[in-house]
Amino acid sequence: MPGDRETWQVRGAAQNRLPGEHPEPPNYPLNSMEKLIERVQKSQHGFLDIQKAADEVLAGLPAGEGYPVAQGMFSSEIHQVRALATFILGRLSAHSPESLAFLKQRVSRDSDWRVQEILAKAFDGYCADTGYEQALPVIHEWLADSHPNVRRAVTEGLRIWTGRPYFHDHPGAAVQILSALRGDPSEYVRRSVGNALRDISKKHGNLVKEELQRWEIGDKGVEQTYKLAGRFLKKQVEDPPVGHTNSG
């Protein structure tokens, strides 16, 4: 906790600052923020209370101060506080390019898996607030990023893809976007892709099956994705794709 008992001074923001960001984080009344931080530190299972805390922070802040507060929070050594910051940034991202950039460039580098789960939720929040069709350019941009956590934030965050507006009416678009990452160099991403396609196969089995039939399984990574994606398809073994053998 901060040592200053008069105000909540967000610390460490200089290390996290992106070009054009606020030069200094704002002060925030400690009497309410301190209790909020203590509360989120107790969150061990699930993220619902941290998500609620993010809404409380934004409700209590003047317009324009959410980003610098979240920016400073993210310097905390406490993963729940960084998770809180990530939720705040996700709430802001549709109308705050600097918040979206921070999610992509800073939050994606966090080593805590729980923060990465919330990054995925934050990206889905961005898409929901922007509109999934309107967010397609950013979806493709993130999927082309060099960092696996950025790519996985998309593939995981939008699950179940066909339960989202636009993709509900265009399931083929979801299948095509995900299938492009079937051979992703990161197993972390491939697992997310395979599971996301498996989700879609529950209601669009033929669509997923037709896509899988076009894959060449000469690469072990692609084969891993294929097995995950086809787990619910009854005829997967009967009609293997190009290059796949049923032996072993």
Protein backbone atom coordinates (compact mmCIF):
# COMPACT_ATOMS: atom_id res chain seq x y z
CA MET A 1 0.00 0.00 0.00
CA PRO A 2 1.18 3.59 -0.51
CA GLY A 3 2.87 5.18 2.45
CA ASP A 4 1.14 8.52 1.95
CA ARG A 5 -1.94 8.63 4.19
CA GLU A 6 -3.43 11.78 2.61
CA THR A 7 -3.78 10.82 -1.02
CA TRP A 8 -3.57 7.82 -3.33
CA GLN A 9 -0.49 8.70 -5.35
CA VAL A 10 -0.24 6.29 -8.26
CA ARG A 11 3.42 5.23 -8.37
CA GLY A 12 5.74 3.93 -11.03
CA ALA A 13 3.86 5.39 -13.97
CA ALA A 14 7.01 6.80 -15.52
CA GLN A 15 8.23 3.28 -16.31
CA ASN A 16 4.94 2.43 -17.98
CA ARG A 17 4.46 5.66 -19.92
CA LEU A 18 3.86 5.51 -23.66
CA PRO A 19 4.58 8.43 -26.02
CA GLY A 20 2.04 11.21 -25.55
CA GLU A 21 0.80 9.95 -22.20
CA HIS A 22 0.03 12.12 -19.18
CA PRO A 23 3.28 13.35 -17.60
CA GLU A 24 2.15 12.62 -14.06
CA PRO A 25 -0.62 10.40 -12.63
CA PRO A 26 -3.34 12.13 -10.62
CA ASN A 27 -3.88 11.97 -6.90
CA TYR A 28 -6.93 10.12 -5.68
CA PRO A 29 -8.54 10.22 -2.19
CA LEU A 30 -7.01 7.40 -0.19
CA ASN A 31 -9.93 6.83 2.16
CA SER A 32 -11.94 5.17 -0.64
CA MET A 33 -9.15 3.82 -2.85
CA GLU A 34 -7.28 2.12 -0.03
CA LYS A 35 -10.34 0.08 0.93
CA LEU A 36 -10.88 -0.84 -2.71
CA ILE A 37 -7.30 -2.06 -3.10
CA GLU A 38 -7.53 -4.08 0.11
CA ARG A 39 -10.73 -5.64 -1.19
CA VAL A 40 -9.33 -6.72 -4.54
CA GLN A 41 -6.24 -8.17 -2.86
CA LYS A 42 -8.53 -10.70 -1.21
CA SER A 43 -9.82 -11.91 -4.58
CA GLN A 44 -8.34 -15.36 -5.13
CA HIS A 45 -10.85 -17.18 -7.33
CA GLY A 46 -12.65 -15.54 -10.20
CA PHE A 47 -12.60 -11.95 -11.36
CA LEU A 48 -16.11 -10.70 -10.69
CA ASP A 49 -15.27 -8.58 -7.66
CA ILE A 50 -12.27 -7.03 -9.42
CA GLN A 51 -14.51 -6.21 -12.37
CA LYS A 52 -17.01 -4.55 -10.04
CA ALA A 53 -14.18 -2.61 -8.40
CA ALA A 54 -13.11 -1.29 -11.82
CA ASP A 55 -16.60 0.08 -12.38
CA GLU A 56 -16.52 1.70 -8.94
CA VAL A 57 -13.19 3.37 -9.68
CA LEU A 58 -14.42 4.81 -12.96
CA ALA A 59 -17.69 5.97 -11.38
CA GLY A 60 -15.73 7.89 -8.74
CA LEU A 61 -13.24 9.56 -11.08
CA PRO A 62 -13.61 12.81 -13.01
CA ALA A 63 -13.76 12.34 -16.77
CA GLY A 64 -10.33 11.85 -18.27
CA GLU A 65 -8.61 10.56 -15.14
CA GLY A 66 -9.35 6.85 -15.57
CA TYR A 67 -6.42 6.20 -17.86
CA PRO A 68 -3.64 7.77 -15.74
CA VAL A 69 -4.99 6.06 -12.61
CA ALA A 70 -5.01 2.67 -14.35
CA GLN A 71 -1.59 3.38 -15.84
CA GLY A 72 -0.15 3.91 -12.38
CA MET A 73 -1.98 0.96 -10.84
CA PHE A 74 -0.38 -1.32 -13.38
CA SER A 75 3.03 -0.69 -11.83
CA SER A 76 1.90 -2.53 -8.68
CA GLU A 77 3.60 -5.77 -7.65
CA ILE A 78 0.18 -7.11 -6.62
CA HIS A 79 -1.41 -9.05 -9.46
CA GLN A 80 -4.95 -8.23 -8.35
CA VAL A 81 -4.17 -4.51 -8.63
CA ARG A 82 -2.74 -4.99 -12.12
CA ALA A 83 -5.87 -6.98 -12.94
CA LEU A 84 -7.98 -4.08 -11.70
CA ALA A 85 -6.02 -1.72 -13.92
CA THR A 86 -6.58 -4.01 -16.89
CA PHE A 87 -10.34 -4.05 -16.37
CA ILE A 88 -10.33 -0.24 -16.18
CA LEU A 89 -8.32 0.02 -19.38
CA GLY A 90 -10.72 -2.36 -21.09
CA ARG A 91 -13.68 -0.20 -20.08
CA LEU A 92 -11.94 2.86 -21.53
CA SER A 93 -10.37 1.34 -24.64
CA ALA A 94 -13.19 1.87 -27.16
CA HIS A 95 -12.94 5.63 -26.66
CA SER A 96 -9.32 5.89 -25.54
CA PRO A 97 -6.62 4.92 -28.07
CA GLU A 98 -3.98 5.27 -25.36
CA SER A 99 -5.80 2.71 -23.21
CA LEU A 100 -6.02 0.25 -26.10
CA ALA A 101 -2.32 0.78 -26.85
CA PHE A 102 -1.42 0.19 -23.20
CA LEU A 103 -3.34 -3.09 -23.21
CA LYS A 104 -1.49 -4.24 -26.31
CA GLN A 105 1.99 -2.98 -25.50
CA ARG A 106 2.18 -3.26 -21.71
CA VAL A 107 -0.48 -5.54 -20.29
CA SER A 108 0.34 -8.28 -22.81
CA ARG A 109 3.86 -8.44 -21.34
CA ASP A 110 2.67 -9.21 -17.81
CA SER A 111 3.91 -12.60 -16.63
CA ASP A 112 0.85 -13.43 -14.51
CA TRP A 113 -1.64 -15.70 -16.28
CA ARG A 114 -4.55 -14.14 -14.40
CA VAL A 115 -3.74 -10.74 -15.84
CA GLN A 116 -3.65 -12.33 -19.31
CA GLU A 117 -7.11 -13.80 -18.76
CA ILE A 118 -8.39 -10.33 -17.97
CA LEU A 119 -6.59 -8.91 -21.00
CA ALA A 120 -8.69 -11.29 -23.10
CA LYS A 121 -11.85 -10.06 -21.36
CA ALA A 122 -10.75 -6.46 -21.84
CA PHE A 123 -10.25 -6.97 -25.56
CA ASP A 124 -13.69 -8.53 -25.89
CA GLY A 125 -15.05 -5.51 -24.03
CA TYR A 126 -13.36 -3.25 -26.56
CA CYS A 127 -14.98 -5.20 -29.43
CA ALA A 128 -18.40 -5.13 -27.76
CA ASP A 129 -18.26 -1.39 -27.16
CA THR A 130 -16.89 -0.67 -30.64
CA GLY A 131 -19.06 -3.20 -32.47
CA TYR A 132 -17.56 -6.52 -33.56
CA GLU A 133 -17.75 -5.77 -37.26
CA GLN A 134 -16.30 -2.30 -36.77
CA ALA A 135 -13.53 -3.82 -34.63
CA LEU A 136 -12.40 -6.22 -37.38
CA PRO A 137 -9.37 -4.11 -38.40
CA VAL A 138 -8.12 -4.12 -34.81
CA ILE A 139 -8.91 -7.82 -34.45
CA HIS A 140 -6.70 -8.56 -37.46
CA GLU A 141 -4.03 -6.17 -36.22
CA TRP A 142 -3.80 -7.91 -32.86
CA LEU A 143 -3.81 -11.36 -34.47
CA ALA A 144 -0.82 -10.30 -36.56
CA ASP A 145 1.15 -9.09 -33.55
CA SER A 146 4.48 -10.73 -32.75
CA HIS A 147 3.61 -11.39 -29.11
CA PRO A 148 1.55 -14.53 -28.39
CA ASN A 149 -0.32 -12.90 -25.51
CA VAL A 150 -1.69 -10.27 -27.90
CA ARG A 151 -2.86 -12.90 -30.39
CA ARG A 152 -4.32 -15.08 -27.66
CA ALA A 153 -6.23 -12.14 -26.17
CA VAL A 154 -8.28 -12.17 -29.38
CA THR A 155 -8.71 -15.89 -29.91
CA GLU A 156 -9.63 -16.47 -26.26
CA GLY A 157 -11.40 -13.23 -25.51
CA LEU A 158 -14.06 -13.61 -28.19
CA ARG A 159 -15.07 -17.15 -27.20
CA ILE A 160 -17.66 -18.28 -27.91
CA TRP A 161 -17.07 -16.42 -31.19
CA THR A 162 -20.41 -17.23 -32.78
CA GLY A 163 -22.18 -16.01 -29.65
CA ARG A 164 -20.93 -12.49 -30.45
CA PRO A 165 -22.81 -10.04 -32.67
CA TYR A 166 -21.63 -10.12 -36.30
CA PHE A 167 -20.00 -13.52 -35.90
CA HIS A 168 -23.36 -14.95 -34.86
CA ASP A 169 -24.61 -14.08 -38.34
CA HIS A 170 -21.27 -14.77 -40.05
CA PRO A 171 -19.92 -17.96 -38.45
CA GLY A 172 -17.79 -18.62 -41.52
CA ALA A 173 -15.87 -15.41 -40.87
CA ALA A 174 -15.06 -16.59 -37.36
CA VAL A 175 -13.89 -19.98 -38.65
CA GLN A 176 -11.68 -18.38 -41.28
CA ILE A 177 -10.11 -15.90 -38.86
CA LEU A 178 -9.32 -18.61 -36.33
CA SER A 179 -8.15 -21.16 -38.88
CA ALA A 180 -5.48 -18.78 -40.11
CA LEU A 181 -3.72 -19.34 -36.77
CA ARG A 182 -3.86 -23.13 -36.83
CA GLY A 183 -0.09 -23.33 -37.19
CA ASP A 184 0.73 -20.50 -34.80
CA PRO A 185 4.26 -20.89 -33.35
CA SER A 186 2.86 -20.64 -29.82
CA GLU A 187 1.18 -23.72 -28.36
CA TYR A 188 -0.62 -21.33 -26.00
CA VAL A 189 -2.29 -19.69 -29.00
CA ARG A 190 -2.91 -22.96 -30.89
CA ARG A 191 -4.77 -24.40 -27.91
CA SER A 192 -6.97 -21.33 -27.76
CA VAL A 193 -7.63 -21.54 -31.51
CA GLY A 194 -8.49 -25.23 -31.36
CA ASN A 195 -10.81 -24.77 -28.40
CA ALA A 196 -12.50 -21.79 -30.05
CA LEU A 197 -13.16 -23.81 -33.21
CA ARG A 198 -14.44 -26.67 -31.08
CA ASP A 199 -16.90 -24.24 -29.46
CA ILE A 200 -18.18 -23.23 -32.88
CA SER A 201 -18.51 -26.86 -33.99
CA LYS A 202 -21.26 -27.45 -31.43
CA LYS A 203 -23.71 -25.46 -33.58
CA HIS A 204 -21.84 -25.29 -36.87
CA GLY A 205 -20.32 -28.74 -37.11
CA ASN A 206 -20.42 -28.99 -40.88
CA LEU A 207 -18.79 -25.62 -41.29
CA VAL A 208 -15.89 -26.53 -39.03
CA LYS A 209 -15.59 -30.02 -40.51
CA GLU A 210 -15.35 -28.61 -44.03
CA GLU A 211 -12.61 -26.27 -42.91
CA LEU A 212 -10.66 -29.03 -41.17
CA GLN A 213 -10.82 -31.16 -44.30
CA ARG A 214 -8.79 -28.52 -46.11
CA TRP A 215 -5.93 -28.56 -43.62
CA GLU A 216 -2.67 -30.29 -44.29
CA ILE A 217 -1.50 -32.06 -41.16
CA GLY A 218 2.17 -32.35 -41.92
CA ASP A 219 3.04 -30.11 -39.02
CA LYS A 220 2.64 -31.29 -35.42
CA GLY A 221 1.36 -27.90 -34.34
CA VAL A 222 -1.39 -27.91 -36.95
CA GLU A 223 -2.29 -31.46 -36.01
CA GLN A 224 -2.64 -30.42 -32.37
CA THR A 225 -5.03 -27.64 -33.35
CA TYR A 226 -6.94 -30.04 -35.60
CA LYS A 227 -7.46 -32.58 -32.82
CA LEU A 228 -8.77 -29.93 -30.44
CA ALA A 229 -11.03 -28.35 -33.05
CA GLY A 230 -12.49 -31.68 -34.19
CA ARG A 231 -13.12 -33.21 -30.79
CA PHE A 232 -16.91 -32.90 -31.12
CA LEU A 233 -17.07 -33.96 -34.76
CA LYS A 234 -18.21 -37.58 -34.97
CA LYS A 235 -16.77 -38.24 -38.44
CA GLN A 236 -13.37 -36.73 -37.78
CA VAL A 237 -11.57 -40.08 -37.93
CA GLU A 238 -13.64 -41.44 -40.81
CA ASP A 239 -12.71 -38.63 -43.18
CA PRO A 240 -9.20 -37.44 -42.24
CA PRO A 241 -7.77 -34.32 -43.88
CA VAL A 242 -4.92 -34.20 -46.36
CA GLY A 243 -1.69 -35.65 -44.99
CA HIS A 244 -3.34 -37.20 -41.92
CA THR A 245 -3.09 -40.90 -41.15
CA ASN A 246 -5.24 -42.89 -38.77
CA SER A 247 -2.40 -45.04 -37.52
CA GLY A 248 -1.04 -44.40 -34.07
